[in-house]
PDB file of all heavy atoms in Angstrom:
ATOM      1  N   ARG A   1      96.884 -33.436 106.088  1.00  0.00           N
ATOM      2  CA  ARG A   1      95.437 -33.221 106.229  1.00  0.00           C
ATOM      3  C   ARG A   1      94.865 -32.648 104.936  1.00  0.00           C
ATOM      4  O   ARG A   1      95.592 -32.340 103.992  1.00  0.00           O
ATOM      5  CB  ARG A   1      95.153 -32.261 107.389  1.00  0.00           C
ATOM      6  CG  ARG A   1      95.791 -30.887 107.219  1.00  0.00           C
ATOM      7  CD  ARG A   1      95.531 -30.007 108.421  1.00  0.00           C
ATOM      8  NE  ARG A   1      96.232 -30.502 109.585  1.00  0.00           N
ATOM      9  CZ  ARG A   1      97.498 -30.183 109.870  1.00  0.00           C
ATOM     10  NH1 ARG A   1      98.188 -29.388 109.059  1.00  0.00           N
ATOM     11  NH2 ARG A   1      98.078 -30.646 110.947  1.00  0.00           N
ATOM     12  N   GLY A   2      93.545 -32.498 104.926  1.00  0.00           N
ATOM     13  CA  GLY A   2      92.871 -31.817 103.835  1.00  0.00           C
ATOM     14  C   GLY A   2      92.623 -32.657 102.592  1.00  0.00           C
ATOM     15  O   GLY A   2      92.807 -33.874 102.571  1.00  0.00           O
ATOM     16  N   ARG A   3      92.201 -31.969 101.538  1.00  0.00           N
ATOM     17  CA  ARG A   3      91.826 -32.639 100.297  1.00  0.00           C
ATOM     18  C   ARG A   3      92.994 -33.375  99.660  1.00  0.00           C
ATOM     19  O   ARG A   3      92.826 -34.455  99.089  1.00  0.00           O
ATOM     20  CB  ARG A   3      91.281 -31.607  99.303  1.00  0.00           C
ATOM     21  CG  ARG A   3      89.966 -30.967  99.720  1.00  0.00           C
ATOM     22  CD  ARG A   3      89.513 -29.972  98.679  1.00  0.00           C
ATOM     23  NE  ARG A   3      88.256 -29.338  99.039  1.00  0.00           N
ATOM     24  CZ  ARG A   3      87.678 -28.374  98.321  1.00  0.00           C
ATOM     25  NH1 ARG A   3      88.281 -27.949  97.203  1.00  0.00           N
ATOM     26  NH2 ARG A   3      86.540 -27.847  98.714  1.00  0.00           N
ATOM     27  N   GLU A   4      94.178 -32.772  99.740  1.00  0.00           N
ATOM     28  CA  GLU A   4      95.341 -33.404  99.122  1.00  0.00           C
ATOM     29  C   GLU A   4      95.626 -34.755  99.761  1.00  0.00           C
ATOM     30  O   GLU A   4      95.951 -35.724  99.069  1.00  0.00           O
ATOM     31  CB  GLU A   4      96.563 -32.496  99.247  1.00  0.00           C
ATOM     32  CG  GLU A   4      97.767 -32.997  98.455  1.00  0.00           C
ATOM     33  CD  GLU A   4      98.963 -32.070  98.552  1.00  0.00           C
ATOM     34  OE1 GLU A   4      98.837 -30.998  99.181  1.00  0.00           O
ATOM     35  OE2 GLU A   4     100.023 -32.427  98.012  1.00  0.00           O
ATOM     36  N   ARG A   5      95.484 -34.833 101.086  1.00  0.00           N
ATOM     37  CA  ARG A   5      95.702 -36.123 101.763  1.00  0.00           C
ATOM     38  C   ARG A   5      94.661 -37.147 101.306  1.00  0.00           C
ATOM     39  O   ARG A   5      94.999 -38.300 101.006  1.00  0.00           O
ATOM     40  CB  ARG A   5      95.631 -35.942 103.277  1.00  0.00           C
ATOM     41  CG  ARG A   5      95.796 -37.264 104.056  1.00  0.00           C
ATOM     42  CD  ARG A   5      95.763 -37.041 105.559  1.00  0.00           C
ATOM     43  NE  ARG A   5      95.806 -38.299 106.307  1.00  0.00           N
ATOM     44  CZ  ARG A   5      96.906 -38.958 106.626  1.00  0.00           C
ATOM     45  NH1 ARG A   5      98.082 -38.471 106.253  1.00  0.00           N
ATOM     46  NH2 ARG A   5      96.871 -40.091 107.300  1.00  0.00           N
ATOM     47  N   LYS A   6      93.398 -36.747 101.253  1.00  0.00           N
ATOM     48  CA  LYS A   6      92.342 -37.668 100.838  1.00  0.00           C
ATOM     49  C   LYS A   6      92.577 -38.175  99.420  1.00  0.00           C
ATOM     50  O   LYS A   6      92.385 -39.360  99.125  1.00  0.00           O
ATOM     51  CB  LYS A   6      90.979 -36.988 100.948  1.00  0.00           C
ATOM     52  CG  LYS A   6      90.543 -36.699 102.377  1.00  0.00           C
ATOM     53  CD  LYS A   6      89.181 -36.034 102.398  1.00  0.00           C
ATOM     54  CE  LYS A   6      88.723 -35.760 103.836  1.00  0.00           C
ATOM     55  NZ  LYS A   6      87.404 -35.092 103.877  1.00  0.00           N
ATOM     56  N   ALA A   7      93.006 -37.252  98.548  1.00  0.00           N
ATOM     57  CA  ALA A   7      93.233 -37.640  97.157  1.00  0.00           C
ATOM     58  C   ALA A   7      94.397 -38.627  97.043  1.00  0.00           C
ATOM     59  O   ALA A   7      94.309 -39.628  96.327  1.00  0.00           O
ATOM     60  CB  ALA A   7      93.508 -36.399  96.308  1.00  0.00           C
ATOM     61  N   ARG A   8      95.476 -38.363  97.765  1.00  0.00           N
ATOM     62  CA  ARG A   8      96.640 -39.247  97.713  1.00  0.00           C
ATOM     63  C   ARG A   8      96.304 -40.610  98.307  1.00  0.00           C
ATOM     64  O   ARG A   8      96.717 -41.653  97.786  1.00  0.00           O
ATOM     65  CB  ARG A   8      97.808 -38.619  98.466  1.00  0.00           C
ATOM     66  CG  ARG A   8      98.454 -37.433  97.761  1.00  0.00           C
ATOM     67  CD  ARG A   8      99.535 -37.860  96.778  1.00  0.00           C
ATOM     68  NE  ARG A   8     100.649 -38.447  97.470  1.00  0.00           N
ATOM     69  CZ  ARG A   8     101.615 -37.757  98.083  1.00  0.00           C
ATOM     70  NH1 ARG A   8     101.568 -36.422  98.105  1.00  0.00           N
ATOM     71  NH2 ARG A   8     102.619 -38.383  98.666  1.00  0.00           N
ATOM     72  N   LEU A   9      95.560 -40.636  99.406  1.00  0.00           N
ATOM     73  CA  LEU A   9      95.174 -41.905 100.017  1.00  0.00           C
ATOM     74  C   LEU A   9      94.316 -42.730  99.066  1.00  0.00           C
ATOM     75  O   LEU A   9      94.466 -43.956  98.971  1.00  0.00           O
ATOM     76  CB  LEU A   9      94.419 -41.650 101.322  1.00  0.00           C
ATOM     77  CG  LEU A   9      95.271 -41.306 102.545  1.00  0.00           C
ATOM     78  CD1 LEU A   9      94.402 -40.758 103.659  1.00  0.00           C
ATOM     79  CD2 LEU A   9      96.050 -42.536 103.027  1.00  0.00           C
ATOM     80  N   ALA A  10      93.418 -42.055  98.343  1.00  0.00           N
ATOM     81  CA  ALA A  10      92.562 -42.757  97.388  1.00  0.00           C
ATOM     82  C   ALA A  10      93.396 -43.367  96.267  1.00  0.00           C
ATOM     83  O   ALA A  10      93.123 -44.491  95.813  1.00  0.00           O
ATOM     84  CB  ALA A  10      91.515 -41.802  96.819  1.00  0.00           C
ATOM     85  N   GLU A  11      94.420 -42.651  95.811  1.00  0.00           N
ATOM     86  CA  GLU A  11      95.300 -43.172  94.764  1.00  0.00           C
ATOM     87  C   GLU A  11      96.066 -44.398  95.258  1.00  0.00           C
ATOM     88  O   GLU A  11      96.195 -45.398  94.556  1.00  0.00           O
ATOM     89  CB  GLU A  11      96.282 -42.091  94.311  1.00  0.00           C
ATOM     90  CG  GLU A  11      95.630 -40.943  93.548  1.00  0.00           C
ATOM     91  CD  GLU A  11      96.629 -39.866  93.210  1.00  0.00           C
ATOM     92  OE1 GLU A  11      97.834 -40.034  93.507  1.00  0.00           O
ATOM     93  OE2 GLU A  11      96.223 -38.834  92.643  1.00  0.00           O
ATOM     94  N   VAL A  12      96.576 -44.292  96.486  1.00  0.00           N
ATOM     95  CA  VAL A  12      97.326 -45.400  97.067  1.00  0.00           C
ATOM     96  C   VAL A  12      96.436 -46.634  97.209  1.00  0.00           C
ATOM     97  O   VAL A  12      96.840 -47.763  96.910  1.00  0.00           O
ATOM     98  CB  VAL A  12      97.905 -44.995  98.443  1.00  0.00           C
ATOM     99  CG1 VAL A  12      98.425 -46.217  99.197  1.00  0.00           C
ATOM    100  CG2 VAL A  12      99.009 -43.965  98.269  1.00  0.00           C
ATOM    101  N   ALA A  13      95.203 -46.430  97.666  1.00  0.00           N
ATOM    102  CA  ALA A  13      94.286 -47.537  97.912  1.00  0.00           C
ATOM    103  C   ALA A  13      93.955 -48.310  96.642  1.00  0.00           C
ATOM    104  O   ALA A  13      93.702 -49.514  96.689  1.00  0.00           O
ATOM    105  CB  ALA A  13      93.005 -47.023  98.558  1.00  0.00           C
ATOM    106  N   SER A  14      93.972 -47.634  95.492  1.00  0.00           N
ATOM    107  CA  SER A  14      93.582 -48.287  94.239  1.00  0.00           C
ATOM    108  C   SER A  14      94.777 -48.674  93.369  1.00  0.00           C
ATOM    109  O   SER A  14      94.601 -49.151  92.252  1.00  0.00           O
ATOM    110  CB  SER A  14      92.658 -47.363  93.439  1.00  0.00           C
ATOM    111  OG  SER A  14      93.320 -46.145  93.118  1.00  0.00           O
ATOM    112  N   ASP A  15      95.986 -48.485  93.868  1.00  0.00           N
ATOM    113  CA  ASP A  15      97.179 -48.741  93.066  1.00  0.00           C
ATOM    114  C   ASP A  15      97.403 -50.249  92.894  1.00  0.00           C
ATOM    115  O   ASP A  15      97.317 -51.011  93.856  1.00  0.00           O
ATOM    116  CB  ASP A  15      98.407 -48.128  93.733  1.00  0.00           C
ATOM    117  CG  ASP A  15      99.513 -47.817  92.726  1.00  0.00           C
ATOM    118  OD1 ASP A  15      99.709 -48.626  91.798  1.00  0.00           O
ATOM    119  OD2 ASP A  15     100.174 -46.770  92.863  1.00  0.00           O
ATOM    120  N   THR A  16      97.703 -50.647  91.671  1.00  0.00           N
ATOM    121  CA  THR A  16      97.957 -52.060  91.387  1.00  0.00           C
ATOM    122  C   THR A  16      99.416 -52.436  91.646  1.00  0.00           C
ATOM    123  O   THR A  16      99.819 -53.573  91.385  1.00  0.00           O
ATOM    124  CB  THR A  16      97.608 -52.387  89.926  1.00  0.00           C
ATOM    125  OG1 THR A  16      98.365 -51.538  89.047  1.00  0.00           O
ATOM    126  CG2 THR A  16      96.119 -52.165  89.672  1.00  0.00           C
ATOM    127  N   ARG A  17     100.202 -51.465  92.132  1.00  0.00           N
ATOM    128  CA  ARG A  17     101.591 -51.732  92.486  1.00  0.00           C
ATOM    129  C   ARG A  17     101.743 -51.766  94.003  1.00  0.00           C
ATOM    130  O   ARG A  17     100.929 -51.213  94.731  1.00  0.00           O
ATOM    131  CB  ARG A  17     102.500 -50.637  91.933  1.00  0.00           C
ATOM    132  CG  ARG A  17     102.444 -50.469  90.429  1.00  0.00           C
ATOM    133  CD  ARG A  17     103.093 -49.179  89.991  1.00  0.00           C
ATOM    134  NE  ARG A  17     102.349 -48.019  90.467  1.00  0.00           N
ATOM    135  CZ  ARG A  17     102.710 -46.751  90.237  1.00  0.00           C
ATOM    136  NH1 ARG A  17     103.799 -46.500  89.558  1.00  0.00           N
ATOM    137  NH2 ARG A  17     101.979 -45.764  90.699  1.00  0.00           N
ATOM    138  N   THR A  18     102.796 -52.387  94.480  1.00  0.00           N
ATOM    139  CA  THR A  18     103.146 -52.298  95.894  1.00  0.00           C
ATOM    140  C   THR A  18     103.509 -50.841  96.189  1.00  0.00           C
ATOM    141  O   THR A  18     104.181 -50.198  95.394  1.00  0.00           O
ATOM    142  CB  THR A  18     104.354 -53.208  96.208  1.00  0.00           C
ATOM    143  OG1 THR A  18     104.004 -54.553  95.908  1.00  0.00           O
ATOM    144  CG2 THR A  18     104.751 -53.092  97.670  1.00  0.00           C
ATOM    145  N   THR A  19     103.040 -50.317  97.312  1.00  0.00           N
ATOM    146  CA  THR A  19     103.270 -48.912  97.649  1.00  0.00           C
ATOM    147  C   THR A  19     104.074 -48.796  98.939  1.00  0.00           C
ATOM    148  O   THR A  19     103.775 -49.466  99.931  1.00  0.00           O
ATOM    149  CB  THR A  19     101.931 -48.164  97.813  1.00  0.00           C
ATOM    150  OG1 THR A  19     101.176 -48.272  96.600  1.00  0.00           O
ATOM    151  CG2 THR A  19     102.177 -46.692  98.101  1.00  0.00           C
ATOM    152  N   VAL A  20     105.078 -47.920  98.908  1.00  0.00           N
ATOM    153  CA  VAL A  20     105.938 -47.687 100.066  1.00  0.00           C
ATOM    154  C   VAL A  20     105.700 -46.270 100.582  1.00  0.00           C
ATOM    155  O   VAL A  20     105.750 -45.304  99.814  1.00  0.00           O
ATOM    156  CB  VAL A  20     107.431 -47.856  99.709  1.00  0.00           C
ATOM    157  CG1 VAL A  20     108.305 -47.667 100.944  1.00  0.00           C
ATOM    158  CG2 VAL A  20     107.675 -49.222  99.085  1.00  0.00           C
ATOM    159  N   LEU A  21     105.428 -46.157 101.887  1.00  0.00           N
ATOM    160  CA  LEU A  21     105.153 -44.871 102.515  1.00  0.00           C
ATOM    161  C   LEU A  21     106.088 -44.665 103.699  1.00  0.00           C
ATOM    162  O   LEU A  21     106.454 -45.614 104.389  1.00  0.00           O
ATOM    163  CB  LEU A  21     103.712 -44.810 103.038  1.00  0.00           C
ATOM    164  CG  LEU A  21     102.567 -45.062 102.065  1.00  0.00           C
ATOM    165  CD1 LEU A  21     101.289 -45.329 102.835  1.00  0.00           C
ATOM    166  CD2 LEU A  21     102.377 -43.857 101.170  1.00  0.00           C
ATOM    167  N   PHE A  22     106.454 -43.407 103.955  1.00  0.00           N
ATOM    168  CA  PHE A  22     107.141 -43.040 105.189  1.00  0.00           C
ATOM    169  C   PHE A  22     106.113 -42.448 106.139  1.00  0.00           C
ATOM    170  O   PHE A  22     105.164 -41.778 105.708  1.00  0.00           O
ATOM    171  CB  PHE A  22     108.226 -41.994 104.926  1.00  0.00           C
ATOM    172  CG  PHE A  22     109.478 -42.538 104.298  1.00  0.00           C
ATOM    173  CD1 PHE A  22     110.393 -41.682 103.695  1.00  0.00           C
ATOM    174  CD2 PHE A  22     109.758 -43.889 104.310  1.00  0.00           C
ATOM    175  CE1 PHE A  22     111.552 -42.174 103.123  1.00  0.00           C
ATOM    176  CE2 PHE A  22     110.920 -44.396 103.738  1.00  0.00           C
ATOM    177  CZ  PHE A  22     111.816 -43.529 103.144  1.00  0.00           C
ATOM    178  N   GLU A  23     106.284 -42.666 107.434  1.00  0.00           N
ATOM    179  CA  GLU A  23     105.376 -42.040 108.401  1.00  0.00           C
ATOM    180  C   GLU A  23     106.083 -41.844 109.729  1.00  0.00           C
ATOM    181  O   GLU A  23     106.955 -42.629 110.114  1.00  0.00           O
ATOM    182  CB  GLU A  23     104.113 -42.890 108.571  1.00  0.00           C
ATOM    183  CG  GLU A  23     102.992 -42.172 109.291  1.00  0.00           C
ATOM    184  CD  GLU A  23     102.666 -40.818 108.679  1.00  0.00           C
ATOM    185  OE1 GLU A  23     103.378 -39.840 109.024  1.00  0.00           O
ATOM    186  OE2 GLU A  23     101.725 -40.726 107.883  1.00  0.00           O
ATOM    187  N   SER A  24     105.711 -40.770 110.418  1.00  0.00           N
ATOM    188  CA  SER A  24     106.292 -40.494 111.730  1.00  0.00           C
ATOM    189  C   SER A  24     105.582 -41.342 112.780  1.00  0.00           C
ATOM    190  O   SER A  24     104.439 -41.780 112.576  1.00  0.00           O
ATOM    191  CB  SER A  24     106.125 -39.014 112.075  1.00  0.00           C
ATOM    192  OG  SER A  24     104.784 -38.745 112.435  1.00  0.00           O
ATOM    193  N   PRO A  25     106.225 -41.596 113.923  1.00  0.00           N
ATOM    194  CA  PRO A  25     105.586 -42.409 114.966  1.00  0.00           C
ATOM    195  C   PRO A  25     104.304 -41.791 115.503  1.00  0.00           C
ATOM    196  O   PRO A  25     103.404 -42.508 115.932  1.00  0.00           O
ATOM    197  CB  PRO A  25     106.660 -42.512 116.051  1.00  0.00           C
ATOM    198  CG  PRO A  25     107.596 -41.389 115.776  1.00  0.00           C
ATOM    199  CD  PRO A  25     107.588 -41.189 114.293  1.00  0.00           C
ATOM    200  N   ARG A  26     104.191 -40.473 115.448  1.00  0.00           N
ATOM    201  CA  ARG A  26     102.980 -39.808 115.977  1.00  0.00           C
ATOM    202  C   ARG A  26     101.778 -39.992 115.065  1.00  0.00           C
ATOM    203  O   ARG A  26     100.641 -39.932 115.537  1.00  0.00           O
ATOM    204  CB  ARG A  26     103.247 -38.311 116.172  1.00  0.00           C
ATOM    205  CG  ARG A  26     104.277 -37.989 117.221  1.00  0.00           C
ATOM    206  CD  ARG A  26     104.298 -36.496 117.509  1.00  0.00           C
ATOM    207  NE  ARG A  26     104.544 -35.725 116.297  1.00  0.00           N
ATOM    208  CZ  ARG A  26     105.753 -35.455 115.819  1.00  0.00           C
ATOM    209  NH1 ARG A  26     106.829 -35.923 116.425  1.00  0.00           N
ATOM    210  NH2 ARG A  26     105.900 -34.734 114.720  1.00  0.00           N
ATOM    211  N   ARG A  27     102.012 -40.209 113.767  1.00  0.00           N
ATOM    212  CA  ARG A  27     100.906 -40.255 112.822  1.00  0.00           C
ATOM    213  C   ARG A  27     100.674 -41.624 112.201  1.00  0.00           C
ATOM    214  O   ARG A  27      99.751 -41.800 111.410  1.00  0.00           O
ATOM    215  CB  ARG A  27     101.118 -39.213 111.713  1.00  0.00           C
ATOM    216  CG  ARG A  27     101.086 -37.782 112.189  1.00  0.00           C
ATOM    217  CD  ARG A  27     101.032 -36.811 111.014  1.00  0.00           C
ATOM    218  NE  ARG A  27     102.236 -36.899 110.195  1.00  0.00           N
ATOM    219  CZ  ARG A  27     103.358 -36.227 110.413  1.00  0.00           C
ATOM    220  NH1 ARG A  27     103.424 -35.407 111.444  1.00  0.00           N
ATOM    221  NH2 ARG A  27     104.390 -36.355 109.616  1.00  0.00           N
ATOM    222  N   VAL A  28     101.499 -42.596 112.553  1.00  0.00           N
ATOM    223  CA  VAL A  28     101.394 -43.893 111.887  1.00  0.00           C
ATOM    224  C   VAL A  28     100.045 -44.556 112.168  1.00  0.00           C
ATOM    225  O   VAL A  28      99.435 -45.159 111.268  1.00  0.00           O
ATOM    226  CB  VAL A  28     102.564 -44.816 112.307  1.00  0.00           C
ATOM    227  CG1 VAL A  28     102.505 -45.167 113.787  1.00  0.00           C
ATOM    228  CG2 VAL A  28     102.569 -46.079 111.453  1.00  0.00           C
ATOM    229  N   ALA A  29      99.526 -44.438 113.383  1.00  0.00           N
ATOM    230  CA  ALA A  29      98.238 -45.074 113.716  1.00  0.00           C
ATOM    231  C   ALA A  29      97.108 -44.464 112.891  1.00  0.00           C
ATOM    232  O   ALA A  29      96.238 -45.183 112.377  1.00  0.00           O
ATOM    233  CB  ALA A  29      97.952 -44.939 115.213  1.00  0.00           C
ATOM    234  N   ALA A  30      97.114 -43.134 112.743  1.00  0.00           N
ATOM    235  CA  ALA A  30      96.067 -42.459 111.970  1.00  0.00           C
ATOM    236  C   ALA A  30      96.143 -42.847 110.497  1.00  0.00           C
ATOM    237  O   ALA A  30      95.108 -43.045 109.838  1.00  0.00           O
ATOM    238  CB  ALA A  30      96.197 -40.946 112.125  1.00  0.00           C
ATOM    239  N   THR A  31      97.355 -42.965 109.964  1.00  0.00           N
ATOM    240  CA  THR A  31      97.511 -43.343 108.562  1.00  0.00           C
ATOM    241  C   THR A  31      97.046 -44.771 108.321  1.00  0.00           C
ATOM    242  O   THR A  31      96.362 -45.060 107.329  1.00  0.00           O
ATOM    243  CB  THR A  31      98.982 -43.177 108.126  1.00  0.00           C
ATOM    244  OG1 THR A  31      99.330 -41.792 108.193  1.00  0.00           O
ATOM    245  CG2 THR A  31      99.190 -43.680 106.708  1.00  0.00           C
ATOM    246  N   ILE A  32      97.382 -45.677 109.221  1.00  0.00           N
ATOM    247  CA  ILE A  32      96.917 -47.059 109.097  1.00  0.00           C
ATOM    248  C   ILE A  32      95.390 -47.108 109.135  1.00  0.00           C
ATOM    249  O   ILE A  32      94.748 -47.840 108.371  1.00  0.00           O
ATOM    250  CB  ILE A  32      97.508 -47.931 110.222  1.00  0.00           C
ATOM    251  CG1 ILE A  32      99.012 -48.124 110.017  1.00  0.00           C
ATOM    252  CG2 ILE A  32      96.809 -49.285 110.286  1.00  0.00           C
ATOM    253  CD1 ILE A  32      99.368 -48.885 108.774  1.00  0.00           C
ATOM    254  N   ASP A  33      94.790 -46.318 110.019  1.00  0.00           N
ATOM    255  CA  ASP A  33      93.329 -46.299 110.136  1.00  0.00           C
ATOM    256  C   ASP A  33      92.696 -45.756 108.854  1.00  0.00           C
ATOM    257  O   ASP A  33      91.680 -46.277 108.380  1.00  0.00           O
ATOM    258  CB  ASP A  33      92.915 -45.448 111.337  1.00  0.00           C
ATOM    259  CG  ASP A  33      91.445 -45.630 111.686  1.00  0.00           C
ATOM    260  OD1 ASP A  33      90.985 -46.790 111.755  1.00  0.00           O
ATOM    261  OD2 ASP A  33      90.749 -44.614 111.881  1.00  0.00           O
ATOM    262  N   ASP A  34      93.298 -44.707 108.269  1.00  0.00           N
ATOM    263  CA  ASP A  34      92.787 -44.156 107.015  1.00  0.00           C
ATOM    264  C   ASP A  34      92.894 -45.180 105.881  1.00  0.00           C
ATOM    265  O   ASP A  34      91.974 -45.315 105.062  1.00  0.00           O
ATOM    266  CB  ASP A  34      93.558 -42.890 106.634  1.00  0.00           C
ATOM    267  CG  ASP A  34      93.206 -41.698 107.514  1.00  0.00           C
ATOM    268  OD1 ASP A  34      92.146 -41.745 108.161  1.00  0.00           O
ATOM    269  OD2 ASP A  34      93.984 -40.727 107.538  1.00  0.00           O
ATOM    270  N   LEU A  35      94.003 -45.889 105.835  1.00  0.00           N
ATOM    271  CA  LEU A  35      94.181 -46.908 104.802  1.00  0.00           C
ATOM    272  C   LEU A  35      93.179 -48.047 104.974  1.00  0.00           C
ATOM    273  O   LEU A  35      92.617 -48.553 103.996  1.00  0.00           O
ATOM    274  CB  LEU A  35      95.607 -47.461 104.848  1.00  0.00           C
ATOM    275  CG  LEU A  35      96.707 -46.526 104.355  1.00  0.00           C
ATOM    276  CD1 LEU A  35      98.085 -47.115 104.657  1.00  0.00           C
ATOM    277  CD2 LEU A  35      96.575 -46.259 102.855  1.00  0.00           C
ATOM    278  N   ARG A  36      92.934 -48.438 106.217  1.00  0.00           N
ATOM    279  CA  ARG A  36      91.955 -49.499 106.479  1.00  0.00           C
ATOM    280  C   ARG A  36      90.573 -49.095 105.990  1.00  0.00           C
ATOM    281  O   ARG A  36      89.842 -49.904 105.398  1.00  0.00           O
ATOM    282  CB  ARG A  36      91.904 -49.814 107.974  1.00  0.00           C
ATOM    283  CG  ARG A  36      90.901 -50.910 108.343  1.00  0.00           C
ATOM    284  CD  ARG A  36      90.566 -50.867 109.807  1.00  0.00           C
ATOM    285  NE  ARG A  36      90.065 -49.562 110.217  1.00  0.00           N
ATOM    286  CZ  ARG A  36      88.840 -49.108 109.969  1.00  0.00           C
ATOM    287  NH1 ARG A  36      87.970 -49.868 109.315  1.00  0.00           N
ATOM    288  NH2 ARG A  36      88.476 -47.909 110.358  1.00  0.00           N
ATOM    289  N   ALA A  37      90.209 -47.819 106.232  1.00  0.00           N
ATOM    290  CA  ALA A  37      88.883 -47.354 105.819  1.00  0.00           C
ATOM    291  C   ALA A  37      88.722 -47.385 104.303  1.00  0.00           C
ATOM    292  O   ALA A  37      87.632 -47.657 103.793  1.00  0.00           O
ATOM    293  CB  ALA A  37      88.661 -45.932 106.344  1.00  0.00           C
ATOM    294  N   LEU A  38      89.806 -47.120 103.560  1.00  0.00           N
ATOM    295  CA  LEU A  38      89.725 -47.064 102.106  1.00  0.00           C
ATOM    296  C   LEU A  38      89.985 -48.419 101.445  1.00  0.00           C
ATOM    297  O   LEU A  38      89.384 -48.746 100.419  1.00  0.00           O
ATOM    298  CB  LEU A  38      90.737 -46.048 101.568  1.00  0.00           C
ATOM    299  CG  LEU A  38      90.388 -44.576 101.769  1.00  0.00           C
ATOM    300  CD1 LEU A  38      91.583 -43.703 101.438  1.00  0.00           C
ATOM    301  CD2 LEU A  38      89.201 -44.190 100.890  1.00  0.00           C
ATOM    302  N   CYS A  39      90.881 -49.211 102.017  1.00  0.00           N
ATOM    303  CA  CYS A  39      91.283 -50.482 101.399  1.00  0.00           C
ATOM    304  C   CYS A  39      90.520 -51.680 101.936  1.00  0.00           C
ATOM    305  O   CYS A  39      90.537 -52.748 101.313  1.00  0.00           O
ATOM    306  CB  CYS A  39      92.774 -50.723 101.620  1.00  0.00           C
ATOM    307  SG  CYS A  39      93.848 -49.432 101.003  1.00  0.00           S
ATOM    308  N   GLY A  40      89.900 -51.499 103.110  1.00  0.00           N
ATOM    309  CA  GLY A  40      89.249 -52.632 103.751  1.00  0.00           C
ATOM    310  C   GLY A  40      90.186 -53.292 104.742  1.00  0.00           C
ATOM    311  O   GLY A  40      91.414 -53.200 104.609  1.00  0.00           O
ATOM    312  N   PRO A  41      89.643 -53.977 105.748  1.00  0.00           N
ATOM    313  CA  PRO A  41      90.464 -54.544 106.814  1.00  0.00           C
ATOM    314  C   PRO A  41      91.316 -55.738 106.403  1.00  0.00           C
ATOM    315  O   PRO A  41      92.252 -56.104 107.116  1.00  0.00           O
ATOM    316  CB  PRO A  41      89.423 -54.960 107.863  1.00  0.00           C
ATOM    317  CG  PRO A  41      88.186 -55.216 107.070  1.00  0.00           C
ATOM    318  CD  PRO A  41      88.203 -54.203 105.968  1.00  0.00           C
ATOM    319  N   LEU A  42      91.030 -56.350 105.239  1.00  0.00           N
ATOM    320  CA  LEU A  42      91.752 -57.564 104.849  1.00  0.00           C
ATOM    321  C   LEU A  42      92.961 -57.287 103.955  1.00  0.00           C
ATOM    322  O   LEU A  42      93.718 -58.211 103.636  1.00  0.00           O
ATOM    323  CB  LEU A  42      90.810 -58.539 104.137  1.00  0.00           C
ATOM    324  CG  LEU A  42      89.623 -59.026 104.967  1.00  0.00           C
ATOM    325  CD1 LEU A  42      88.797 -60.025 104.163  1.00  0.00           C
ATOM    326  CD2 LEU A  42      90.091 -59.652 106.276  1.00  0.00           C
ATOM    327  N   ARG A  43      93.170 -56.041 103.552  1.00  0.00           N
ATOM    328  CA  ARG A  43      94.329 -55.697 102.701  1.00  0.00           C
ATOM    329  C   ARG A  43      95.610 -55.928 103.490  1.00  0.00           C
ATOM    330  O   ARG A  43      95.739 -55.530 104.642  1.00  0.00           O
ATOM    331  CB  ARG A  43      94.223 -54.239 102.271  1.00  0.00           C
ATOM    332  CG  ARG A  43      95.281 -53.790 101.272  1.00  0.00           C
ATOM    333  CD  ARG A  43      94.902 -54.180  99.857  1.00  0.00           C
ATOM    334  NE  ARG A  43      95.698 -53.388  98.925  1.00  0.00           N
ATOM    335  CZ  ARG A  43      95.304 -52.235  98.401  1.00  0.00           C
ATOM    336  NH1 ARG A  43      94.113 -51.733  98.709  1.00  0.00           N
ATOM    337  NH2 ARG A  43      96.091 -51.594  97.573  1.00  0.00           N
TER     338      ARG A  43
END
């Protein structure tokens, strides 16, 4: 959570490389939703 999460998500969204993330089953839906909001639904 917090500013650090927002900053890291923004970096991931604009990265020109393939990005690999780990996520727990409880938070995977929220992370996907955050990525969709920053990257767009077609990424």
